[in-house]
Amino acid sequence: MTDICDEKLVSLAAGGDRAAFDKLAARYIPVVATRASAFYEGDAELSNEDLGQEGFIGLIDAVNRYDAGFGASFRTFAVLCIDRRMKSVIKAKFRKKKIPKDSLVFLDDEDAPEIAANETDNPENKVIALDEHRHLRERIRDCSSEFEWTVLNCFLNGMSYQSIADRLKTNEKSVANALGRIRRKLTQQL
Protein backbone atom coordinates (compact mmCIF):
# COMPACT_ATOMS: atom_id res chain seq x y z
CA MET A 1 0.00 0.00 0.00
CA THR A 2 3.02 2.30 0.06
CA ASP A 3 2.87 3.19 -3.63
CA ILE A 4 -0.90 3.77 -3.82
CA CYS A 5 -1.89 7.36 -4.59
CA ASP A 6 -3.93 9.39 -2.10
CA GLU A 7 -7.03 9.33 -4.27
CA LYS A 8 -7.07 5.52 -4.36
CA LEU A 9 -6.53 5.35 -0.58
CA VAL A 10 -9.42 7.79 -0.10
CA SER A 11 -11.66 5.63 -2.24
CA LEU A 12 -10.74 2.54 -0.21
CA ALA A 13 -11.03 4.36 3.13
CA ALA A 14 -14.42 5.82 2.23
CA GLY A 15 -15.53 2.25 1.49
CA GLY A 16 -14.59 1.16 5.01
CA ASP A 17 -11.01 -0.09 4.50
CA ARG A 18 -9.40 0.70 7.87
CA ALA A 19 -5.86 -0.06 6.66
CA ALA A 20 -6.26 2.41 3.80
CA PHE A 21 -7.42 5.11 6.20
CA ASP A 22 -4.54 4.38 8.59
CA LYS A 23 -2.07 4.70 5.72
CA LEU A 24 -3.65 7.96 4.59
CA ALA A 25 -3.66 9.33 8.15
CA ALA A 26 0.03 8.45 8.51
CA ARG A 27 0.79 10.36 5.30
CA TYR A 28 -1.05 13.43 6.55
CA ILE A 29 0.38 13.61 10.09
CA PRO A 30 3.07 16.11 8.94
CA VAL A 31 0.48 18.15 7.02
CA VAL A 32 -1.82 18.38 10.05
CA ALA A 33 1.10 19.25 12.34
CA THR A 34 2.33 21.97 9.97
CA ARG A 35 -1.14 23.47 9.59
CA ALA A 36 -1.70 23.40 13.38
CA SER A 37 1.60 25.20 13.92
CA ALA A 38 0.62 27.81 11.33
CA PHE A 39 -2.62 28.59 13.18
CA TYR A 40 -1.28 28.29 16.73
CA GLU A 41 -0.74 31.67 18.37
CA GLY A 42 0.51 30.52 21.79
CA ASP A 43 -2.94 30.66 23.36
CA ALA A 44 -3.37 28.81 26.65
CA GLU A 45 -7.05 28.08 25.92
CA LEU A 46 -6.36 26.37 22.59
CA SER A 47 -3.17 24.32 22.40
CA ASN A 48 -1.25 23.20 19.35
CA GLU A 49 -2.34 19.63 20.16
CA ASP A 50 -6.00 20.74 20.25
CA LEU A 51 -5.60 22.24 16.80
CA GLY A 52 -3.92 19.03 15.61
CA GLN A 53 -6.87 16.98 16.82
CA GLU A 54 -9.25 19.32 15.04
CA GLY A 55 -7.09 19.00 11.94
CA PHE A 56 -7.53 15.22 12.00
CA ILE A 57 -11.27 15.69 12.25
CA GLY A 58 -10.93 17.87 9.14
CA LEU A 59 -8.97 15.06 7.46
CA ILE A 60 -11.73 12.57 8.26
CA ASP A 61 -14.24 15.01 6.79
CA ALA A 62 -12.07 15.33 3.67
CA VAL A 63 -11.99 11.55 3.24
CA ASN A 64 -15.77 11.35 3.58
CA ARG A 65 -16.54 14.28 1.27
CA TYR A 66 -13.82 14.11 -1.41
CA ASP A 67 -15.08 13.96 -4.98
CA ALA A 68 -12.41 13.65 -7.69
CA GLY A 69 -14.97 14.93 -10.19
CA PHE A 70 -14.40 18.50 -9.00
CA GLY A 71 -10.90 18.43 -10.44
CA ALA A 72 -8.91 19.11 -7.27
CA SER A 73 -6.35 16.71 -5.89
CA PHE A 74 -7.12 15.09 -2.57
CA ARG A 75 -4.17 16.87 -0.98
CA THR A 76 -5.58 20.28 -1.97
CA PHE A 77 -9.02 19.36 -0.66
CA ALA A 78 -7.61 17.82 2.54
CA VAL A 79 -5.59 20.95 3.37
CA LEU A 80 -8.70 23.02 2.77
CA CYS A 81 -10.78 20.83 5.12
CA ILE A 82 -8.03 20.71 7.77
CA ASP A 83 -7.65 24.50 7.71
CA ARG A 84 -11.41 25.06 7.69
CA ARG A 85 -11.85 22.88 10.77
CA MET A 86 -9.06 24.65 12.67
CA LYS A 87 -10.40 28.07 11.69
CA SER A 88 -13.91 27.21 12.80
CA VAL A 89 -12.63 26.16 16.23
CA ILE A 90 -10.58 29.35 16.54
CA LYS A 91 -13.51 31.50 15.42
CA ALA A 92 -15.84 29.75 17.87
CA LYS A 93 -13.41 30.52 20.68
CA PHE A 94 -13.29 34.21 19.75
CA ARG A 95 -17.05 34.52 19.39
CA LYS A 96 -17.32 34.00 23.12
CA LYS A 97 -15.27 37.13 23.80
CA LYS A 98 -16.83 40.59 23.67
CA ILE A 99 -14.77 43.01 21.60
CA PRO A 100 -15.98 46.60 21.27
CA LYS A 101 -16.70 47.41 17.62
CA ASP A 102 -14.80 50.69 17.75
CA SER A 103 -11.60 48.85 18.70
CA LEU A 104 -11.59 46.35 15.84
CA VAL A 105 -8.58 46.26 13.52
CA PHE A 106 -9.42 45.54 9.90
CA LEU A 107 -6.53 44.12 7.94
CA ASP A 108 -8.30 44.82 4.66
CA ASP A 109 -11.89 44.97 3.43
CA GLU A 110 -12.29 41.23 3.47
CA ASP A 111 -10.01 40.51 6.44
CA ALA A 112 -9.32 36.77 6.33
CA PRO A 113 -10.94 34.99 3.37
CA GLU A 114 -14.12 33.21 4.36
CA ILE A 115 -13.25 29.70 3.29
CA ALA A 116 -16.49 28.05 4.33
CA ALA A 117 -18.75 30.83 3.01
CA ASN A 118 -19.46 29.33 -0.39
CA GLU A 119 -19.33 25.57 -0.75
CA THR A 120 -19.60 25.79 -4.55
CA ASP A 121 -16.25 27.57 -4.98
CA ASN A 122 -13.39 25.64 -6.51
CA PRO A 123 -11.13 24.23 -3.73
CA GLU A 124 -8.01 25.56 -5.46
CA ASN A 125 -9.43 29.10 -5.29
CA LYS A 126 -9.95 28.67 -1.58
CA VAL A 127 -6.38 27.49 -1.07
CA ILE A 128 -5.15 30.47 -3.12
CA ALA A 129 -7.20 32.80 -0.91
CA LEU A 130 -5.57 31.27 2.18
CA ASP A 131 -2.13 31.79 0.66
CA GLU A 132 -2.96 35.44 -0.06
CA HIS A 133 -4.06 35.86 3.55
CA ARG A 134 -0.78 34.35 4.78
CA HIS A 135 1.11 36.70 2.46
CA LEU A 136 -0.75 39.66 3.94
CA ARG A 137 0.16 38.52 7.46
CA GLU A 138 3.82 38.29 6.38
CA ARG A 139 3.68 41.83 4.98
CA ILE A 140 2.20 43.07 8.25
CA ARG A 141 4.90 41.22 10.19
CA ASP A 142 7.64 42.74 8.03
CA CYS A 143 6.46 46.32 8.55
CA SER A 144 5.78 45.97 12.29
CA SER A 145 8.11 46.18 15.24
CA GLU A 146 8.23 43.22 17.60
CA PHE A 147 6.08 45.13 20.11
CA GLU A 148 3.50 46.10 17.47
CA TRP A 149 3.31 42.53 16.17
CA THR A 150 2.81 41.16 19.67
CA VAL A 151 0.11 43.76 20.42
CA LEU A 152 -1.67 42.99 17.14
CA ASN A 153 -1.66 39.23 17.76
CA CYS A 154 -2.94 39.69 21.29
CA PHE A 155 -5.65 42.02 20.03
CA LEU A 156 -6.69 39.66 17.23
CA ASN A 157 -6.87 36.90 19.84
CA GLY A 158 -9.61 38.89 21.55
CA MET A 159 -7.63 40.45 24.37
CA SER A 160 -8.69 43.86 25.68
CA TYR A 161 -6.32 46.82 25.75
CA GLN A 162 -5.98 46.40 29.51
CA SER A 163 -5.22 42.66 29.22
CA ILE A 164 -2.59 43.33 26.56
CA ALA A 165 -1.05 46.10 28.67
CA ASP A 166 -0.92 43.81 31.71
CA ARG A 167 0.61 40.97 29.73
CA LEU A 168 3.26 43.18 28.12
CA LYS A 169 3.88 45.19 31.30
CA THR A 170 2.99 48.50 29.68
CA ASN A 171 -0.02 50.83 29.70
CA GLU A 172 -3.19 50.97 27.63
CA LYS A 173 -2.03 54.14 25.87
CA SER A 174 1.03 52.29 24.49
CA VAL A 175 -1.21 49.49 23.27
CA ALA A 176 -3.57 51.97 21.56
CA ASN A 177 -0.61 53.79 19.99
CA ALA A 178 0.87 50.52 18.67
CA LEU A 179 -2.44 49.57 17.05
CA GLY A 180 -2.70 53.07 15.56
CA ARG A 181 0.79 52.77 14.07
CA ILE A 182 -0.11 49.41 12.54
CA ARG A 183 -3.28 50.89 11.01
CA ARG A 184 -1.29 53.76 9.48
CA LYS A 185 1.37 51.41 8.11
CA LEU A 186 -1.28 49.16 6.58
CA THR A 187 -3.08 52.11 5.03
CA GLN A 188 0.17 53.25 3.43
CA GLN A 189 1.03 49.77 2.12
CA LEU A 190 -2.41 48.79 0.85
C-alpha atoms as a PDB file:
ATOM      1  CA  MET A   1       0.000   0.000   0.000  1.00  0.00           C
ATOM      2  CA  THR A   2       3.017   2.301   0.062  1.00  0.00           C
ATOM      3  CA  ASP A   3       2.867   3.191  -3.633  1.00  0.00           C
ATOM      4  CA  ILE A   4      -0.896   3.766  -3.820  1.00  0.00           C
ATOM      5  CA  CYS A   5      -1.893   7.358  -4.587  1.00  0.00           C
ATOM      6  CA  ASP A   6      -3.926   9.386  -2.098  1.00  0.00           C
ATOM      7  CA  GLU A   7      -7.026   9.334  -4.268  1.00  0.00           C
ATOM      8  CA  LYS A   8      -7.070   5.519  -4.356  1.00  0.00           C
ATOM      9  CA  LEU A   9      -6.530   5.350  -0.583  1.00  0.00           C
ATOM     10  CA  VAL A  10      -9.416   7.790  -0.098  1.00  0.00           C
ATOM     11  CA  SER A  11     -11.660   5.630  -2.237  1.00  0.00           C
ATOM     12  CA  LEU A  12     -10.741   2.542  -0.212  1.00  0.00           C
ATOM     13  CA  ALA A  13     -11.027   4.360   3.131  1.00  0.00           C
ATOM     14  CA  ALA A  14     -14.422   5.815   2.231  1.00  0.00           C
ATOM     15  CA  GLY A  15     -15.531   2.252   1.493  1.00  0.00           C
ATOM     16  CA  GLY A  16     -14.588   1.162   5.009  1.00  0.00           C
ATOM     17  CA  ASP A  17     -11.012  -0.092   4.503  1.00  0.00           C
ATOM     18  CA  ARG A  18      -9.397   0.702   7.867  1.00  0.00           C
ATOM     19  CA  ALA A  19      -5.856  -0.060   6.661  1.00  0.00           C
ATOM     20  CA  ALA A  20      -6.259   2.406   3.797  1.00  0.00           C
ATOM     21  CA  PHE A  21      -7.423   5.113   6.196  1.00  0.00           C
ATOM     22  CA  ASP A  22      -4.541   4.379   8.586  1.00  0.00           C
ATOM     23  CA  LYS A  23      -2.069   4.704   5.718  1.00  0.00           C
ATOM     24  CA  LEU A  24      -3.654   7.956   4.590  1.00  0.00           C
ATOM     25  CA  ALA A  25      -3.661   9.327   8.149  1.00  0.00           C
ATOM     26  CA  ALA A  26       0.030   8.453   8.510  1.00  0.00           C
ATOM     27  CA  ARG A  27       0.794  10.360   5.297  1.00  0.00           C
ATOM     28  CA  TYR A  28      -1.052  13.432   6.547  1.00  0.00           C
ATOM     29  CA  ILE A  29       0.377  13.609  10.087  1.00  0.00           C
ATOM     30  CA  PRO A  30       3.068  16.106   8.940  1.00  0.00           C
ATOM     31  CA  VAL A  31       0.481  18.147   7.024  1.00  0.00           C
ATOM     32  CA  VAL A  32      -1.824  18.383  10.052  1.00  0.00           C
ATOM     33  CA  ALA A  33       1.100  19.251  12.343  1.00  0.00           C
ATOM     34  CA  THR A  34       2.327  21.966   9.966  1.00  0.00           C
ATOM     35  CA  ARG A  35      -1.142  23.470   9.594  1.00  0.00           C
ATOM     36  CA  ALA A  36      -1.703  23.399  13.381  1.00  0.00           C
ATOM     37  CA  SER A  37       1.599  25.205  13.918  1.00  0.00           C
ATOM     38  CA  ALA A  38       0.621  27.810  11.333  1.00  0.00           C
ATOM     39  CA  PHE A  39      -2.618  28.594  13.178  1.00  0.00           C
ATOM     40  CA  TYR A  40      -1.283  28.291  16.728  1.00  0.00           C
ATOM     41  CA  GLU A  41      -0.736  31.666  18.373  1.00  0.00           C
ATOM     42  CA  GLY A  42       0.511  30.519  21.792  1.00  0.00           C
ATOM     43  CA  ASP A  43      -2.945  30.663  23.363  1.00  0.00           C
ATOM     44  CA  ALA A  44      -3.367  28.808  26.648  1.00  0.00           C
ATOM     45  CA  GLU A  45      -7.049  28.082  25.916  1.00  0.00           C
ATOM     46  CA  LEU A  46      -6.364  26.370  22.594  1.00  0.00           C
ATOM     47  CA  SER A  47      -3.169  24.323  22.405  1.00  0.00           C
ATOM     48  CA  ASN A  48      -1.254  23.205  19.346  1.00  0.00           C
ATOM     49  CA  GLU A  49      -2.344  19.635  20.161  1.00  0.00           C
ATOM     50  CA  ASP A  50      -6.003  20.736  20.247  1.00  0.00           C
ATOM     51  CA  LEU A  51      -5.598  22.236  16.801  1.00  0.00           C
ATOM     52  CA  GLY A  52      -3.916  19.034  15.613  1.00  0.00           C
ATOM     53  CA  GLN A  53      -6.866  16.980  16.817  1.00  0.00           C
ATOM     54  CA  GLU A  54      -9.254  19.318  15.040  1.00  0.00           C
ATOM     55  CA  GLY A  55      -7.089  18.997  11.939  1.00  0.00           C
ATOM     56  CA  PHE A  56      -7.525  15.221  12.005  1.00  0.00           C
ATOM     57  CA  ILE A  57     -11.271  15.693  12.246  1.00  0.00           C
ATOM     58  CA  GLY A  58     -10.929  17.872   9.140  1.00  0.00           C
ATOM     59  CA  LEU A  59      -8.968  15.060   7.462  1.00  0.00           C
ATOM     60  CA  ILE A  60     -11.728  12.570   8.260  1.00  0.00           C
ATOM     61  CA  ASP A  61     -14.239  15.014   6.792  1.00  0.00           C
ATOM     62  CA  ALA A  62     -12.067  15.331   3.672  1.00  0.00           C
ATOM     63  CA  VAL A  63     -11.993  11.546   3.239  1.00  0.00           C
ATOM     64  CA  ASN A  64     -15.771  11.346   3.581  1.00  0.00           C
ATOM     65  CA  ARG A  65     -16.539  14.276   1.265  1.00  0.00           C
ATOM     66  CA  TYR A  66     -13.817  14.111  -1.405  1.00  0.00           C
ATOM     67  CA  ASP A  67     -15.077  13.959  -4.977  1.00  0.00           C
ATOM     68  CA  ALA A  68     -12.412  13.646  -7.688  1.00  0.00           C
ATOM     69  CA  GLY A  69     -14.973  14.926 -10.188  1.00  0.00           C
ATOM     70  CA  PHE A  70     -14.404  18.503  -8.996  1.00  0.00           C
ATOM     71  CA  GLY A  71     -10.895  18.434 -10.439  1.00  0.00           C
ATOM     72  CA  ALA A  72      -8.912  19.106  -7.266  1.00  0.00           C
ATOM     73  CA  SER A  73      -6.346  16.713  -5.894  1.00  0.00           C
ATOM     74  CA  PHE A  74      -7.125  15.088  -2.567  1.00  0.00           C
ATOM     75  CA  ARG A  75      -4.166  16.865  -0.978  1.00  0.00           C
ATOM     76  CA  THR A  76      -5.579  20.280  -1.973  1.00  0.00           C
ATOM     77  CA  PHE A  77      -9.017  19.360  -0.665  1.00  0.00           C
ATOM     78  CA  ALA A  78      -7.611  17.822   2.535  1.00  0.00           C
ATOM     79  CA  VAL A  79      -5.588  20.947   3.374  1.00  0.00           C
ATOM     80  CA  LEU A  80      -8.705  23.023   2.775  1.00  0.00           C
ATOM     81  CA  CYS A  81     -10.785  20.826   5.123  1.00  0.00           C
ATOM     82  CA  ILE A  82      -8.035  20.712   7.770  1.00  0.00           C
ATOM     83  CA  ASP A  83      -7.650  24.505   7.709  1.00  0.00           C
ATOM     84  CA  ARG A  84     -11.407  25.058   7.693  1.00  0.00           C
ATOM     85  CA  ARG A  85     -11.847  22.882  10.771  1.00  0.00           C
ATOM     86  CA  MET A  86      -9.063  24.652  12.672  1.00  0.00           C
ATOM     87  CA  LYS A  87     -10.404  28.072  11.689  1.00  0.00           C
ATOM     88  CA  SER A  88     -13.912  27.206  12.800  1.00  0.00           C
ATOM     89  CA  VAL A  89     -12.627  26.163  16.232  1.00  0.00           C
ATOM     90  CA  ILE A  90     -10.578  29.351  16.537  1.00  0.00           C
ATOM     91  CA  LYS A  91     -13.515  31.503  15.420  1.00  0.00           C
ATOM     92  CA  ALA A  92     -15.840  29.754  17.874  1.00  0.00           C
ATOM     93  CA  LYS A  93     -13.412  30.521  20.684  1.00  0.00           C
ATOM     94  CA  PHE A  94     -13.287  34.211  19.745  1.00  0.00           C
ATOM     95  CA  ARG A  95     -17.053  34.522  19.387  1.00  0.00           C
ATOM     96  CA  LYS A  96     -17.320  34.000  23.124  1.00  0.00           C
ATOM     97  CA  LYS A  97     -15.273  37.130  23.800  1.00  0.00           C
ATOM     98  CA  LYS A  98     -16.832  40.587  23.672  1.00  0.00           C
ATOM     99  CA  ILE A  99     -14.773  43.015  21.601  1.00  0.00           C
ATOM    100  CA  PRO A 100     -15.981  46.602  21.268  1.00  0.00           C
ATOM    101  CA  LYS A 101     -16.700  47.414  17.619  1.00  0.00           C
ATOM    102  CA  ASP A 102     -14.797  50.690  17.755  1.00  0.00           C
ATOM    103  CA  SER A 103     -11.601  48.854  18.702  1.00  0.00           C
ATOM    104  CA  LEU A 104     -11.588  46.346  15.841  1.00  0.00           C
ATOM    105  CA  VAL A 105      -8.579  46.261  13.518  1.00  0.00           C
ATOM    106  CA  PHE A 106      -9.421  45.537   9.899  1.00  0.00           C
ATOM    107  CA  LEU A 107      -6.530  44.123   7.935  1.00  0.00           C
ATOM    108  CA  ASP A 108      -8.299  44.816   4.657  1.00  0.00           C
ATOM    109  CA  ASP A 109     -11.895  44.971   3.427  1.00  0.00           C
ATOM    110  CA  GLU A 110     -12.292  41.227   3.472  1.00  0.00           C
ATOM    111  CA  ASP A 111     -10.005  40.508   6.443  1.00  0.00           C
ATOM    112  CA  ALA A 112      -9.318  36.769   6.331  1.00  0.00           C
ATOM    113  CA  PRO A 113     -10.941  34.991   3.374  1.00  0.00           C
ATOM    114  CA  GLU A 114     -14.120  33.205   4.363  1.00  0.00           C
ATOM    115  CA  ILE A 115     -13.252  29.696   3.289  1.00  0.00           C
ATOM    116  CA  ALA A 116     -16.495  28.052   4.335  1.00  0.00           C
ATOM    117  CA  ALA A 117     -18.746  30.826   3.012  1.00  0.00           C
ATOM    118  CA  ASN A 118     -19.460  29.332  -0.385  1.00  0.00           C
ATOM    119  CA  GLU A 119     -19.335  25.566  -0.748  1.00  0.00           C
ATOM    120  CA  THR A 120     -19.598  25.786  -4.552  1.00  0.00           C
ATOM    121  CA  ASP A 121     -16.245  27.571  -4.980  1.00  0.00           C
ATOM    122  CA  ASN A 122     -13.390  25.644  -6.505  1.00  0.00           C
ATOM    123  CA  PRO A 123     -11.135  24.225  -3.733  1.00  0.00           C
ATOM    124  CA  GLU A 124      -8.010  25.561  -5.463  1.00  0.00           C
ATOM    125  CA  ASN A 125      -9.434  29.099  -5.289  1.00  0.00           C
ATOM    126  CA  LYS A 126      -9.951  28.666  -1.581  1.00  0.00           C
ATOM    127  CA  VAL A 127      -6.376  27.492  -1.075  1.00  0.00           C
ATOM    128  CA  ILE A 128      -5.149  30.468  -3.118  1.00  0.00           C
ATOM    129  CA  ALA A 129      -7.198  32.800  -0.912  1.00  0.00           C
ATOM    130  CA  LEU A 130      -5.570  31.265   2.175  1.00  0.00           C
ATOM    131  CA  ASP A 131      -2.126  31.787   0.661  1.00  0.00           C
ATOM    132  CA  GLU A 132      -2.964  35.436  -0.058  1.00  0.00           C
ATOM    133  CA  HIS A 133      -4.061  35.864   3.550  1.00  0.00           C
ATOM    134  CA  ARG A 134      -0.781  34.346   4.776  1.00  0.00           C
ATOM    135  CA  HIS A 135       1.112  36.697   2.461  1.00  0.00           C
ATOM    136  CA  LEU A 136      -0.753  39.662   3.942  1.00  0.00           C
ATOM    137  CA  ARG A 137       0.164  38.525   7.460  1.00  0.00           C
ATOM    138  CA  GLU A 138       3.816  38.288   6.383  1.00  0.00           C
ATOM    139  CA  ARG A 139       3.684  41.832   4.984  1.00  0.00           C
ATOM    140  CA  ILE A 140       2.200  43.073   8.252  1.00  0.00           C
ATOM    141  CA  ARG A 141       4.900  41.223  10.186  1.00  0.00           C
ATOM    142  CA  ASP A 142       7.644  42.738   8.025  1.00  0.00           C
ATOM    143  CA  CYS A 143       6.456  46.323   8.552  1.00  0.00           C
ATOM    144  CA  SER A 144       5.775  45.968  12.291  1.00  0.00           C
ATOM    145  CA  SER A 145       8.106  46.184  15.236  1.00  0.00           C
ATOM    146  CA  GLU A 146       8.231  43.216  17.603  1.00  0.00           C
ATOM    147  CA  PHE A 147       6.079  45.128  20.111  1.00  0.00           C
ATOM    148  CA  GLU A 148       3.501  46.101  17.466  1.00  0.00           C
ATOM    149  CA  TRP A 149       3.310  42.529  16.166  1.00  0.00           C
ATOM    150  CA  THR A 150       2.805  41.157  19.672  1.00  0.00           C
ATOM    151  CA  VAL A 151       0.111  43.756  20.420  1.00  0.00           C
ATOM    152  CA  LEU A 152      -1.673  42.986  17.141  1.00  0.00           C
ATOM    153  CA  ASN A 153      -1.658  39.231  17.762  1.00  0.00           C
ATOM    154  CA  CYS A 154      -2.945  39.693  21.294  1.00  0.00           C
ATOM    155  CA  PHE A 155      -5.652  42.019  20.029  1.00  0.00           C
ATOM    156  CA  LEU A 156      -6.687  39.665  17.230  1.00  0.00           C
ATOM    157  CA  ASN A 157      -6.866  36.896  19.837  1.00  0.00           C
ATOM    158  CA  GLY A 158      -9.610  38.887  21.551  1.00  0.00           C
ATOM    159  CA  MET A 159      -7.628  40.447  24.370  1.00  0.00           C
ATOM    160  CA  SER A 160      -8.690  43.858  25.678  1.00  0.00           C
ATOM    161  CA  TYR A 161      -6.317  46.819  25.748  1.00  0.00           C
ATOM    162  CA  GLN A 162      -5.980  46.396  29.514  1.00  0.00           C
ATOM    163  CA  SER A 163      -5.216  42.659  29.218  1.00  0.00           C
ATOM    164  CA  ILE A 164      -2.590  43.329  26.556  1.00  0.00           C
ATOM    165  CA  ALA A 165      -1.049  46.099  28.666  1.00  0.00           C
ATOM    166  CA  ASP A 166      -0.918  43.808  31.706  1.00  0.00           C
ATOM    167  CA  ARG A 167       0.610  40.968  29.730  1.00  0.00           C
ATOM    168  CA  LEU A 168       3.261  43.178  28.115  1.00  0.00           C
ATOM    169  CA  LYS A 169       3.885  45.190  31.305  1.00  0.00           C
ATOM    170  CA  THR A 170       2.988  48.499  29.678  1.00  0.00           C
ATOM    171  CA  ASN A 171      -0.019  50.829  29.704  1.00  0.00           C
ATOM    172  CA  GLU A 172      -3.187  50.973  27.626  1.00  0.00           C
ATOM    173  CA  LYS A 173      -2.026  54.136  25.866  1.00  0.00           C
ATOM    174  CA  SER A 174       1.030  52.295  24.493  1.00  0.00           C
ATOM    175  CA  VAL A 175      -1.214  49.494  23.270  1.00  0.00           C
ATOM    176  CA  ALA A 176      -3.571  51.965  21.560  1.00  0.00           C
ATOM    177  CA  ASN A 177      -0.611  53.789  19.987  1.00  0.00           C
ATOM    178  CA  ALA A 178       0.867  50.525  18.671  1.00  0.00           C
ATOM    179  CA  LEU A 179      -2.438  49.573  17.051  1.00  0.00           C
ATOM    180  CA  GLY A 180      -2.696  53.073  15.563  1.00  0.00           C
ATOM    181  CA  ARG A 181       0.792  52.774  14.067  1.00  0.00           C
ATOM    182  CA  ILE A 182      -0.108  49.406  12.542  1.00  0.00           C
ATOM    183  CA  ARG A 183      -3.283  50.888  11.012  1.00  0.00           C
ATOM    184  CA  ARG A 184      -1.288  53.760   9.484  1.00  0.00           C
ATOM    185  CA  LYS A 185       1.375  51.415   8.111  1.00  0.00           C
ATOM    186  CA  LEU A 186      -1.279  49.163   6.582  1.00  0.00           C
ATOM    187  CA  THR A 187      -3.076  52.115   5.033  1.00  0.00           C
ATOM    188  CA  GLN A 188       0.175  53.253   3.433  1.00  0.00           C
ATOM    189  CA  GLN A 189       1.025  49.773   2.119  1.00  0.00           C
ATOM    190  CA  LEU A 190      -2.413  48.794   0.850  1.00  0.00           C
END
